Amino acid sequence: MSEISRRHAQGMETRRKVLGDAHVNRAEANKTPFDEPFQELITEAAWSHVWSRDTISKRERSMLTLALLAGLGNYEELALHTRATANTGATRDDLMEVMLHVAIYAGVPRANHAIKVVKQVLDEIDKEKGQ
């Protein structure tokens, strides 16, 4: 197996562990020849080179990702990664700590909107669980 193939396989395994099979299956089913190079890039670079490292925990990596997404205003990805906290171990308390840091270091408006997104996702998760 080539190094690229190993990286891709490792990235897909990590991607599935973090985002869940349903999300990855949808992304793979919706992949087209146009976005296939991008999907390969994120699988090998983000999910293999970065997310598969064991230097910090998945919980810590998740919290960093949430802070960066919120701070940069990438709210759709923030919702996706908020949902993924069920698989990374980041708690609701962790999410609020992240948002407090975002407010101080990236700005209150970004944190305010990010909190709205996180609350919506958490409400959806609670409804799915019947809470």
N, C-alpha and C. Protein backbone atom coordinates (compact mmCIF):
# COMPACT_ATOMS: atom_id res chain seq x y z
N MET A 1 0.85 -1.18 0.00
CA MET A 1 0.00 0.00 0.00
C MET A 1 0.90 1.24 0.00
N SER A 2 0.59 2.19 -0.85
CA SER A 2 1.39 3.41 -0.93
C SER A 2 1.15 4.29 0.29
N GLU A 3 2.07 5.23 0.52
CA GLU A 3 1.93 6.16 1.65
C GLU A 3 0.64 6.96 1.53
N ILE A 4 0.29 7.38 0.31
CA ILE A 4 -0.95 8.14 0.10
C ILE A 4 -2.15 7.28 0.44
N SER A 5 -2.14 6.02 0.02
CA SER A 5 -3.25 5.12 0.34
C SER A 5 -3.36 4.91 1.84
N ARG A 6 -2.22 4.76 2.52
CA ARG A 6 -2.24 4.59 3.98
C ARG A 6 -2.80 5.84 4.66
N ARG A 7 -2.35 7.00 4.20
CA ARG A 7 -2.85 8.26 4.76
C ARG A 7 -4.36 8.39 4.54
N HIS A 8 -4.81 8.02 3.36
CA HIS A 8 -6.24 8.11 3.06
C HIS A 8 -7.04 7.17 3.95
N ALA A 9 -6.57 5.94 4.10
CA ALA A 9 -7.27 4.96 4.93
C ALA A 9 -7.30 5.43 6.40
N GLN A 10 -6.16 5.92 6.89
CA GLN A 10 -6.10 6.42 8.25
C GLN A 10 -7.03 7.62 8.43
N GLY A 11 -7.02 8.52 7.45
CA GLY A 11 -7.88 9.69 7.51
C GLY A 11 -9.35 9.32 7.51
N MET A 12 -9.73 8.37 6.69
CA MET A 12 -11.13 7.94 6.65
C MET A 12 -11.54 7.31 7.98
N GLU A 13 -10.66 6.52 8.56
CA GLU A 13 -10.97 5.90 9.85
C GLU A 13 -11.19 6.97 10.92
N THR A 14 -10.31 7.94 10.99
CA THR A 14 -10.44 9.02 11.98
C THR A 14 -11.66 9.87 11.68
N ARG A 15 -11.88 10.20 10.44
CA ARG A 15 -13.04 11.00 10.04
C ARG A 15 -14.33 10.33 10.47
N ARG A 16 -14.42 9.02 10.28
CA ARG A 16 -15.61 8.27 10.68
C ARG A 16 -15.77 8.25 12.20
N LYS A 17 -14.66 8.11 12.94
CA LYS A 17 -14.73 8.10 14.40
C LYS A 17 -15.21 9.43 14.95
N VAL A 18 -14.77 10.52 14.31
CA VAL A 18 -15.11 11.86 14.81
C VAL A 18 -16.48 12.32 14.31
N LEU A 19 -16.71 12.22 13.02
CA LEU A 19 -17.95 12.77 12.44
C LEU A 19 -19.08 11.76 12.36
N GLY A 20 -18.75 10.48 12.43
CA GLY A 20 -19.76 9.43 12.35
C GLY A 20 -19.93 8.91 10.94
N ASP A 21 -20.32 7.66 10.85
CA ASP A 21 -20.49 7.00 9.56
C ASP A 21 -21.54 7.69 8.69
N ALA A 22 -22.65 8.12 9.30
CA ALA A 22 -23.74 8.71 8.51
C ALA A 22 -23.25 9.94 7.75
N HIS A 23 -22.52 10.82 8.43
CA HIS A 23 -22.02 12.03 7.76
C HIS A 23 -21.03 11.68 6.66
N VAL A 24 -20.08 10.80 6.96
CA VAL A 24 -19.06 10.45 5.98
C VAL A 24 -19.69 9.72 4.79
N ASN A 25 -20.64 8.85 5.05
CA ASN A 25 -21.32 8.16 3.96
C ASN A 25 -22.05 9.15 3.05
N ARG A 26 -22.71 10.15 3.65
CA ARG A 26 -23.39 11.18 2.84
C ARG A 26 -22.38 11.96 2.00
N ALA A 27 -21.28 12.36 2.63
CA ALA A 27 -20.26 13.12 1.91
C ALA A 27 -19.68 12.30 0.76
N GLU A 28 -19.42 11.04 1.00
CA GLU A 28 -18.88 10.17 -0.04
C GLU A 28 -19.90 9.96 -1.16
N ALA A 29 -21.17 9.79 -0.81
CA ALA A 29 -22.22 9.59 -1.81
C ALA A 29 -22.44 10.83 -2.67
N ASN A 30 -22.21 12.00 -2.08
CA ASN A 30 -22.41 13.27 -2.80
C ASN A 30 -21.16 13.75 -3.52
N LYS A 31 -20.07 13.02 -3.40
CA LYS A 31 -18.81 13.41 -4.04
C LYS A 31 -18.96 13.32 -5.56
N THR A 32 -18.41 14.30 -6.23
CA THR A 32 -18.44 14.32 -7.69
C THR A 32 -17.01 14.39 -8.20
N PRO A 33 -16.80 14.19 -9.49
CA PRO A 33 -15.44 14.36 -10.02
C PRO A 33 -14.88 15.76 -9.74
N PHE A 34 -15.77 16.76 -9.66
CA PHE A 34 -15.31 18.13 -9.40
C PHE A 34 -14.69 18.26 -8.01
N ASP A 35 -15.39 17.74 -6.97
CA ASP A 35 -14.89 17.94 -5.60
C ASP A 35 -14.10 16.76 -5.05
N GLU A 36 -13.90 15.73 -5.84
CA GLU A 36 -13.13 14.58 -5.37
C GLU A 36 -11.71 14.97 -4.92
N PRO A 37 -10.98 15.82 -5.67
CA PRO A 37 -9.65 16.22 -5.19
C PRO A 37 -9.70 16.92 -3.82
N PHE A 38 -10.72 17.72 -3.60
CA PHE A 38 -10.88 18.40 -2.31
C PHE A 38 -11.16 17.39 -1.20
N GLN A 39 -12.05 16.43 -1.47
CA GLN A 39 -12.35 15.40 -0.47
C GLN A 39 -11.10 14.59 -0.12
N GLU A 40 -10.29 14.29 -1.11
CA GLU A 40 -9.04 13.57 -0.86
C GLU A 40 -8.10 14.42 -0.02
N LEU A 41 -8.02 15.70 -0.33
CA LEU A 41 -7.16 16.61 0.41
C LEU A 41 -7.55 16.66 1.89
N ILE A 42 -8.82 16.88 2.18
CA ILE A 42 -9.21 17.00 3.58
C ILE A 42 -9.10 15.66 4.31
N THR A 43 -9.32 14.57 3.60
CA THR A 43 -9.19 13.26 4.24
C THR A 43 -7.74 13.00 4.62
N GLU A 44 -6.83 13.30 3.72
CA GLU A 44 -5.42 13.02 3.99
C GLU A 44 -4.76 14.10 4.85
N ALA A 45 -5.08 15.36 4.62
CA ALA A 45 -4.41 16.43 5.36
C ALA A 45 -5.07 16.65 6.73
N ALA A 46 -6.35 16.95 6.74
CA ALA A 46 -7.01 17.24 8.01
C ALA A 46 -7.18 15.99 8.87
N TRP A 47 -7.75 14.96 8.27
CA TRP A 47 -8.13 13.79 9.08
C TRP A 47 -6.98 12.82 9.34
N SER A 48 -6.00 12.74 8.46
CA SER A 48 -4.86 11.86 8.70
C SER A 48 -3.69 12.62 9.32
N HIS A 49 -3.21 13.65 8.64
CA HIS A 49 -2.03 14.37 9.13
C HIS A 49 -2.29 15.08 10.46
N VAL A 50 -3.48 15.63 10.66
CA VAL A 50 -3.74 16.42 11.87
C VAL A 50 -4.57 15.65 12.89
N TRP A 51 -5.80 15.27 12.54
CA TRP A 51 -6.70 14.66 13.51
C TRP A 51 -6.23 13.29 14.00
N SER A 52 -5.42 12.59 13.25
CA SER A 52 -4.96 11.25 13.65
C SER A 52 -3.74 11.28 14.57
N ARG A 53 -3.16 12.44 14.78
CA ARG A 53 -2.01 12.54 15.67
C ARG A 53 -2.45 12.26 17.11
N ASP A 54 -1.56 11.69 17.89
CA ASP A 54 -1.91 11.36 19.27
C ASP A 54 -1.23 12.27 20.30
N THR A 55 -0.70 13.39 19.86
CA THR A 55 -0.03 14.32 20.77
C THR A 55 -1.01 14.94 21.76
N ILE A 56 -2.19 15.29 21.28
CA ILE A 56 -3.26 15.77 22.15
C ILE A 56 -4.48 14.89 21.92
N SER A 57 -5.40 14.94 22.85
CA SER A 57 -6.58 14.06 22.77
C SER A 57 -7.57 14.56 21.73
N LYS A 58 -8.48 13.69 21.33
CA LYS A 58 -9.55 14.09 20.41
C LYS A 58 -10.40 15.19 21.05
N ARG A 59 -10.61 15.11 22.35
CA ARG A 59 -11.37 16.15 23.07
C ARG A 59 -10.68 17.50 22.92
N GLU A 60 -9.39 17.54 23.17
CA GLU A 60 -8.65 18.80 23.05
C GLU A 60 -8.65 19.29 21.60
N ARG A 61 -8.45 18.39 20.66
CA ARG A 61 -8.43 18.77 19.25
C ARG A 61 -9.80 19.30 18.83
N SER A 62 -10.84 18.68 19.35
CA SER A 62 -12.20 19.13 19.07
C SER A 62 -12.43 20.54 19.60
N MET A 63 -11.98 20.80 20.81
CA MET A 63 -12.14 22.14 21.40
C MET A 63 -11.37 23.19 20.61
N LEU A 64 -10.16 22.86 20.18
CA LEU A 64 -9.39 23.79 19.35
C LEU A 64 -10.12 24.07 18.04
N THR A 65 -10.64 23.03 17.43
CA THR A 65 -11.35 23.17 16.17
C THR A 65 -12.58 24.05 16.33
N LEU A 66 -13.34 23.82 17.40
CA LEU A 66 -14.53 24.63 17.65
C LEU A 66 -14.17 26.10 17.85
N ALA A 67 -13.10 26.36 18.60
CA ALA A 67 -12.69 27.75 18.82
C ALA A 67 -12.29 28.42 17.52
N LEU A 68 -11.53 27.71 16.71
CA LEU A 68 -11.10 28.29 15.43
C LEU A 68 -12.28 28.52 14.50
N LEU A 69 -13.17 27.56 14.40
CA LEU A 69 -14.33 27.72 13.52
C LEU A 69 -15.20 28.88 13.98
N ALA A 70 -15.45 28.97 15.29
CA ALA A 70 -16.27 30.07 15.81
C ALA A 70 -15.57 31.40 15.60
N GLY A 71 -14.29 31.45 15.92
CA GLY A 71 -13.54 32.70 15.79
C GLY A 71 -13.44 33.21 14.37
N LEU A 72 -13.44 32.28 13.42
CA LEU A 72 -13.37 32.66 12.01
C LEU A 72 -14.74 32.83 11.37
N GLY A 73 -15.79 32.51 12.12
CA GLY A 73 -17.15 32.67 11.60
C GLY A 73 -17.58 31.57 10.67
N ASN A 74 -17.00 30.40 10.78
CA ASN A 74 -17.37 29.25 9.93
C ASN A 74 -18.45 28.44 10.64
N TYR A 75 -19.67 28.98 10.63
CA TYR A 75 -20.73 28.46 11.48
C TYR A 75 -21.31 27.12 11.00
N GLU A 76 -21.30 26.87 9.71
CA GLU A 76 -21.79 25.57 9.23
C GLU A 76 -20.87 24.45 9.71
N GLU A 77 -19.57 24.68 9.60
CA GLU A 77 -18.61 23.70 10.10
C GLU A 77 -18.66 23.64 11.63
N LEU A 78 -18.94 24.76 12.29
CA LEU A 78 -19.09 24.77 13.74
C LEU A 78 -20.22 23.83 14.15
N ALA A 79 -21.33 23.88 13.44
CA ALA A 79 -22.45 22.99 13.74
C ALA A 79 -22.03 21.52 13.58
N LEU A 80 -21.35 21.22 12.50
CA LEU A 80 -20.88 19.85 12.24
C LEU A 80 -19.97 19.38 13.37
N HIS A 81 -19.03 20.21 13.77
CA HIS A 81 -18.07 19.81 14.81
C HIS A 81 -18.69 19.85 16.20
N THR A 82 -19.73 20.63 16.40
CA THR A 82 -20.47 20.57 17.67
C THR A 82 -21.14 19.22 17.80
N ARG A 83 -21.75 18.77 16.73
CA ARG A 83 -22.39 17.45 16.72
C ARG A 83 -21.35 16.36 16.96
N ALA A 84 -20.15 16.55 16.45
CA ALA A 84 -19.09 15.54 16.59
C ALA A 84 -18.58 15.42 18.02
N THR A 85 -18.89 16.38 18.89
CA THR A 85 -18.41 16.28 20.27
C THR A 85 -18.95 15.03 20.96
N ALA A 86 -20.04 14.48 20.46
CA ALA A 86 -20.55 13.22 21.00
C ALA A 86 -19.52 12.11 20.83
N ASN A 87 -18.64 12.25 19.85
CA ASN A 87 -17.62 11.24 19.56
C ASN A 87 -16.23 11.62 20.06
N THR A 88 -16.03 12.89 20.40
CA THR A 88 -14.69 13.33 20.80
C THR A 88 -14.51 13.44 22.30
N GLY A 89 -15.61 13.47 23.03
CA GLY A 89 -15.52 13.59 24.48
C GLY A 89 -15.60 15.01 25.01
N ALA A 90 -15.69 16.00 24.14
CA ALA A 90 -15.86 17.38 24.60
C ALA A 90 -17.27 17.53 25.17
N THR A 91 -17.36 18.07 26.37
CA THR A 91 -18.64 18.19 27.06
C THR A 91 -19.30 19.54 26.78
N ARG A 92 -20.52 19.67 27.25
CA ARG A 92 -21.22 20.95 27.12
C ARG A 92 -20.49 22.04 27.91
N ASP A 93 -19.94 21.68 29.05
CA ASP A 93 -19.14 22.65 29.81
C ASP A 93 -17.91 23.07 29.00
N ASP A 94 -17.28 22.10 28.33
CA ASP A 94 -16.14 22.42 27.47
C ASP A 94 -16.55 23.39 26.38
N LEU A 95 -17.73 23.17 25.80
CA LEU A 95 -18.20 24.04 24.72
C LEU A 95 -18.36 25.48 25.21
N MET A 96 -18.89 25.66 26.41
CA MET A 96 -19.03 27.02 26.92
C MET A 96 -17.67 27.64 27.20
N GLU A 97 -16.73 26.86 27.72
CA GLU A 97 -15.38 27.39 27.94
C GLU A 97 -14.75 27.85 26.62
N VAL A 98 -14.97 27.07 25.58
CA VAL A 98 -14.47 27.44 24.25
C VAL A 98 -15.09 28.77 23.81
N MET A 99 -16.40 28.90 23.98
CA MET A 99 -17.09 30.12 23.54
C MET A 99 -16.63 31.33 24.35
N LEU A 100 -16.33 31.15 25.63
CA LEU A 100 -15.82 32.26 26.43
C LEU A 100 -14.46 32.72 25.89
N HIS A 101 -13.63 31.77 25.51
CA HIS A 101 -12.34 32.13 24.92
C HIS A 101 -12.54 32.84 23.58
N VAL A 102 -13.48 32.36 22.80
CA VAL A 102 -13.76 33.00 21.51
C VAL A 102 -14.18 34.45 21.75
N ALA A 103 -15.03 34.67 22.75
CA ALA A 103 -15.50 36.03 23.02
C ALA A 103 -14.34 36.97 23.33
N ILE A 104 -13.41 36.51 24.13
CA ILE A 104 -12.28 37.36 24.52
C ILE A 104 -11.27 37.53 23.39
N TYR A 105 -10.94 36.44 22.70
CA TYR A 105 -9.85 36.49 21.73
C TYR A 105 -10.28 36.74 20.28
N ALA A 106 -11.55 36.50 19.97
CA ALA A 106 -12.02 36.72 18.59
C ALA A 106 -13.16 37.71 18.51
N GLY A 107 -13.77 38.02 19.65
CA GLY A 107 -14.82 39.03 19.66
C GLY A 107 -16.17 38.50 20.11
N VAL A 108 -16.86 39.35 20.83
CA VAL A 108 -18.18 39.00 21.36
C VAL A 108 -19.18 38.70 20.25
N PRO A 109 -19.25 39.47 19.16
CA PRO A 109 -20.23 39.13 18.12
C PRO A 109 -20.02 37.72 17.54
N ARG A 110 -18.77 37.32 17.32
CA ARG A 110 -18.51 35.96 16.81
C ARG A 110 -18.97 34.92 17.83
N ALA A 111 -18.62 35.14 19.09
CA ALA A 111 -19.01 34.19 20.13
C ALA A 111 -20.52 34.15 20.30
N ASN A 112 -21.15 35.30 20.24
CA ASN A 112 -22.60 35.36 20.40
C ASN A 112 -23.30 34.53 19.33
N HIS A 113 -22.89 34.70 18.09
CA HIS A 113 -23.51 33.92 17.02
C HIS A 113 -23.13 32.43 17.14
N ALA A 114 -21.89 32.16 17.50
CA ALA A 114 -21.46 30.77 17.66
C ALA A 114 -22.26 30.08 18.76
N ILE A 115 -22.51 30.78 19.85
CA ILE A 115 -23.31 30.20 20.94
C ILE A 115 -24.71 29.87 20.44
N LYS A 116 -25.27 30.73 19.61
CA LYS A 116 -26.58 30.46 19.04
C LYS A 116 -26.55 29.16 18.22
N VAL A 117 -25.52 28.98 17.42
CA VAL A 117 -25.37 27.77 16.60
C VAL A 117 -25.20 26.54 17.48
N VAL A 118 -24.34 26.65 18.48
CA VAL A 118 -24.09 25.51 19.38
C VAL A 118 -25.37 25.13 20.12
N LYS A 119 -26.10 26.12 20.64
CA LYS A 119 -27.36 25.84 21.33
C LYS A 119 -28.35 25.13 20.42
N GLN A 120 -28.44 25.57 19.18
CA GLN A 120 -29.37 24.94 18.23
C GLN A 120 -28.99 23.48 18.01
N VAL A 121 -27.72 23.21 17.83
CA VAL A 121 -27.26 21.83 17.62
C VAL A 121 -27.53 20.99 18.86
N LEU A 122 -27.23 21.51 20.03
CA LEU A 122 -27.47 20.77 21.26
C LEU A 122 -28.95 20.49 21.46
N ASP A 123 -29.81 21.45 21.11
CA ASP A 123 -31.25 21.23 21.17
C ASP A 123 -31.67 20.11 20.22
N GLU A 124 -31.11 20.09 19.01
CA GLU A 124 -31.42 19.03 18.06
C GLU A 124 -30.99 17.67 18.61
N ILE A 125 -29.81 17.63 19.19
CA ILE A 125 -29.31 16.37 19.77
C ILE A 125 -30.23 15.90 20.88
N ASP A 126 -30.66 16.82 21.76
CA ASP A 126 -31.57 16.46 22.85
C ASP A 126 -32.89 15.93 22.31
N LYS A 127 -33.41 16.56 21.27
CA LYS A 127 -34.68 16.10 20.68
C LYS A 127 -34.52 14.71 20.07
N GLU A 128 -33.39 14.47 19.42
CA GLU A 128 -33.13 13.15 18.84
C GLU A 128 -33.06 12.07 19.92
N LYS A 129 -32.57 12.45 21.09
CA LYS A 129 -32.47 11.52 22.21
C LYS A 129 -33.77 11.43 23.00
N GLY A 130 -34.75 12.27 22.63
CA GLY A 130 -36.03 12.28 23.33
C GLY A 130 -36.00 12.99 24.66
N GLN A 131 -35.10 13.94 24.82
CA GLN A 131 -35.00 14.69 26.08
C GLN A 131 -35.80 15.96 26.01
